[in-house]
Amino acid sequence: MSTEVLDDAKGKYSLLRDTEDGQFGMYDKPLPCFGCGIGWFSFLLGFVFPLLWYYATILYFGNYYRKDPRERAGLAASAIAALICSIAVLITVPILIF
């Protein structure tokens, strides 16, 4: 038997990388805007300031989420909210004018 098999049988494990190495992975860094990401932050704050939904929609269609894929869901939610808001305005404004 090789020594690796014997070490595994004894329960000894080897580290894959140095624990004191300060390099962080891509997903170890917290997201901006209080840790929830720009997309979800824009989605939540968009109920008060709807223009933030349109800002996040521009980021979504500009492929901002390629920098960090964790942003994709929030940006998509903001884009959907912007679409619903636009449809609601397009229906409401003619009713109020006529």
C-alpha atoms as a PDB file:
ATOM      1  CA  MET A   1       0.000   0.000   0.000  1.00  0.00           C
ATOM      2  CA  SER A   2       1.140   3.514  -0.660  1.00  0.00           C
ATOM      3  CA  THR A   3       1.690   5.949   2.164  1.00  0.00           C
ATOM      4  CA  GLU A   4      -1.233   8.108   1.001  1.00  0.00           C
ATOM      5  CA  VAL A   5      -3.694   5.274   1.534  1.00  0.00           C
ATOM      6  CA  LEU A   6      -2.246   4.565   4.972  1.00  0.00           C
ATOM      7  CA  ASP A   7      -2.470   8.239   5.900  1.00  0.00           C
ATOM      8  CA  ASP A   8      -6.099   8.343   4.783  1.00  0.00           C
ATOM      9  CA  ALA A   9      -6.880   5.251   6.832  1.00  0.00           C
ATOM     10  CA  LYS A  10      -5.383   6.893   9.925  1.00  0.00           C
ATOM     11  CA  GLY A  11      -7.453  10.016   9.404  1.00  0.00           C
ATOM     12  CA  LYS A  12      -4.627  12.362   8.476  1.00  0.00           C
ATOM     13  CA  TYR A  13      -5.478  15.032   5.952  1.00  0.00           C
ATOM     14  CA  SER A  14      -3.246  17.378   4.043  1.00  0.00           C
ATOM     15  CA  LEU A  15      -4.063  21.050   3.477  1.00  0.00           C
ATOM     16  CA  LEU A  16      -4.823  22.105  -0.048  1.00  0.00           C
ATOM     17  CA  ARG A  17      -3.531  25.623   0.529  1.00  0.00           C
ATOM     18  CA  ASP A  18      -1.857  27.656   3.203  1.00  0.00           C
ATOM     19  CA  THR A  19      -4.316  28.983   5.799  1.00  0.00           C
ATOM     20  CA  GLU A  20      -2.187  32.060   6.417  1.00  0.00           C
ATOM     21  CA  ASP A  21      -2.243  33.028   2.758  1.00  0.00           C
ATOM     22  CA  GLY A  22      -4.297  36.245   2.580  1.00  0.00           C
ATOM     23  CA  GLN A  23      -5.700  35.758  -0.917  1.00  0.00           C
ATOM     24  CA  PHE A  24      -9.456  35.799  -1.082  1.00  0.00           C
ATOM     25  CA  GLY A  25     -11.564  34.054  -3.670  1.00  0.00           C
ATOM     26  CA  MET A  26     -14.057  35.928  -5.803  1.00  0.00           C
ATOM     27  CA  TYR A  27     -17.009  35.018  -3.591  1.00  0.00           C
ATOM     28  CA  ASP A  28     -15.252  35.601  -0.269  1.00  0.00           C
ATOM     29  CA  LYS A  29     -15.567  39.364  -0.618  1.00  0.00           C
ATOM     30  CA  PRO A  30     -18.839  40.856   0.656  1.00  0.00           C
ATOM     31  CA  LEU A  31     -21.201  42.454  -1.819  1.00  0.00           C
ATOM     32  CA  PRO A  32     -21.510  46.249  -1.887  1.00  0.00           C
ATOM     33  CA  CYS A  33     -24.514  48.088  -0.413  1.00  0.00           C
ATOM     34  CA  PHE A  34     -24.592  46.551   3.056  1.00  0.00           C
ATOM     35  CA  GLY A  35     -23.822  43.059   1.772  1.00  0.00           C
ATOM     36  CA  CYS A  36     -26.986  42.568  -0.274  1.00  0.00           C
ATOM     37  CA  GLY A  37     -25.621  43.770  -3.623  1.00  0.00           C
ATOM     38  CA  ILE A  38     -26.506  46.641  -5.884  1.00  0.00           C
ATOM     39  CA  GLY A  39     -29.420  44.787  -7.499  1.00  0.00           C
ATOM     40  CA  TRP A  40     -31.317  43.885  -4.333  1.00  0.00           C
ATOM     41  CA  PHE A  41     -30.509  47.244  -2.765  1.00  0.00           C
ATOM     42  CA  SER A  42     -31.946  48.992  -5.834  1.00  0.00           C
ATOM     43  CA  PHE A  43     -34.949  46.689  -5.792  1.00  0.00           C
ATOM     44  CA  LEU A  44     -35.801  47.440  -2.159  1.00  0.00           C
ATOM     45  CA  LEU A  45     -35.071  51.154  -2.311  1.00  0.00           C
ATOM     46  CA  GLY A  46     -36.942  51.355  -5.635  1.00  0.00           C
ATOM     47  CA  PHE A  47     -40.260  51.215  -3.805  1.00  0.00           C
ATOM     48  CA  VAL A  48     -39.389  54.672  -2.479  1.00  0.00           C
ATOM     49  CA  PHE A  49     -37.328  55.921  -5.459  1.00  0.00           C
ATOM     50  CA  PRO A  50     -38.492  54.037  -8.592  1.00  0.00           C
ATOM     51  CA  LEU A  51     -35.692  55.488 -10.711  1.00  0.00           C
ATOM     52  CA  LEU A  52     -33.329  53.068  -8.974  1.00  0.00           C
ATOM     53  CA  TRP A  53     -35.142  50.213 -10.732  1.00  0.00           C
ATOM     54  CA  TYR A  54     -34.260  51.775 -14.071  1.00  0.00           C
ATOM     55  CA  TYR A  55     -30.651  52.277 -12.978  1.00  0.00           C
ATOM     56  CA  ALA A  56     -30.409  48.586 -12.054  1.00  0.00           C
ATOM     57  CA  THR A  57     -32.062  47.658 -15.366  1.00  0.00           C
ATOM     58  CA  ILE A  58     -29.333  49.530 -17.235  1.00  0.00           C
ATOM     59  CA  LEU A  59     -26.731  47.658 -15.186  1.00  0.00           C
ATOM     60  CA  TYR A  60     -28.466  44.355 -15.933  1.00  0.00           C
ATOM     61  CA  PHE A  61     -28.580  44.878 -19.685  1.00  0.00           C
ATOM     62  CA  GLY A  62     -25.030  46.228 -19.556  1.00  0.00           C
ATOM     63  CA  ASN A  63     -23.885  42.845 -18.212  1.00  0.00           C
ATOM     64  CA  TYR A  64     -22.697  44.282 -14.898  1.00  0.00           C
ATOM     65  CA  TYR A  65     -23.335  40.885 -13.310  1.00  0.00           C
ATOM     66  CA  ARG A  66     -20.346  39.446 -15.190  1.00  0.00           C
ATOM     67  CA  LYS A  67     -18.129  41.122 -12.591  1.00  0.00           C
ATOM     68  CA  ASP A  68     -19.931  39.187  -9.862  1.00  0.00           C
ATOM     69  CA  PRO A  69     -22.605  36.613 -10.785  1.00  0.00           C
ATOM     70  CA  ARG A  70     -24.207  36.965  -7.361  1.00  0.00           C
ATOM     71  CA  GLU A  71     -25.628  40.314  -8.571  1.00  0.00           C
ATOM     72  CA  ARG A  72     -27.677  38.757 -11.388  1.00  0.00           C
ATOM     73  CA  ALA A  73     -30.825  37.860  -9.419  1.00  0.00           C
ATOM     74  CA  GLY A  74     -31.181  41.281  -7.811  1.00  0.00           C
ATOM     75  CA  LEU A  75     -30.591  43.126 -11.052  1.00  0.00           C
ATOM     76  CA  ALA A  76     -33.149  40.923 -12.818  1.00  0.00           C
ATOM     77  CA  ALA A  77     -35.694  41.563 -10.053  1.00  0.00           C
ATOM     78  CA  SER A  78     -35.151  45.292 -10.451  1.00  0.00           C
ATOM     79  CA  ALA A  79     -35.594  45.015 -14.230  1.00  0.00           C
ATOM     80  CA  ILE A  80     -38.911  43.207 -13.740  1.00  0.00           C
ATOM     81  CA  ALA A  81     -40.032  45.823 -11.210  1.00  0.00           C
ATOM     82  CA  ALA A  82     -39.139  48.586 -13.691  1.00  0.00           C
ATOM     83  CA  LEU A  83     -41.212  46.845 -16.376  1.00  0.00           C
ATOM     84  CA  ILE A  84     -44.233  46.532 -14.073  1.00  0.00           C
ATOM     85  CA  CYS A  85     -43.851  50.166 -13.000  1.00  0.00           C
ATOM     86  CA  SER A  86     -43.697  51.308 -16.628  1.00  0.00           C
ATOM     87  CA  ILE A  87     -46.823  49.354 -17.537  1.00  0.00           C
ATOM     88  CA  ALA A  88     -48.667  50.751 -14.502  1.00  0.00           C
ATOM     89  CA  VAL A  89     -47.716  54.312 -15.479  1.00  0.00           C
ATOM     90  CA  LEU A  90     -48.745  53.735 -19.112  1.00  0.00           C
ATOM     91  CA  ILE A  91     -52.152  52.541 -17.968  1.00  0.00           C
ATOM     92  CA  THR A  92     -52.683  55.103 -15.208  1.00  0.00           C
ATOM     93  CA  VAL A  93     -51.667  58.303 -17.020  1.00  0.00           C
ATOM     94  CA  PRO A  94     -54.218  58.012 -19.898  1.00  0.00           C
ATOM     95  CA  ILE A  95     -56.976  57.192 -17.419  1.00  0.00           C
ATOM     96  CA  LEU A  96     -56.198  60.295 -15.370  1.00  0.00           C
ATOM     97  CA  ILE A  97     -55.911  62.555 -18.418  1.00  0.00           C
ATOM     98  CA  PHE A  98     -59.161  61.489 -20.101  1.00  0.00           C
END
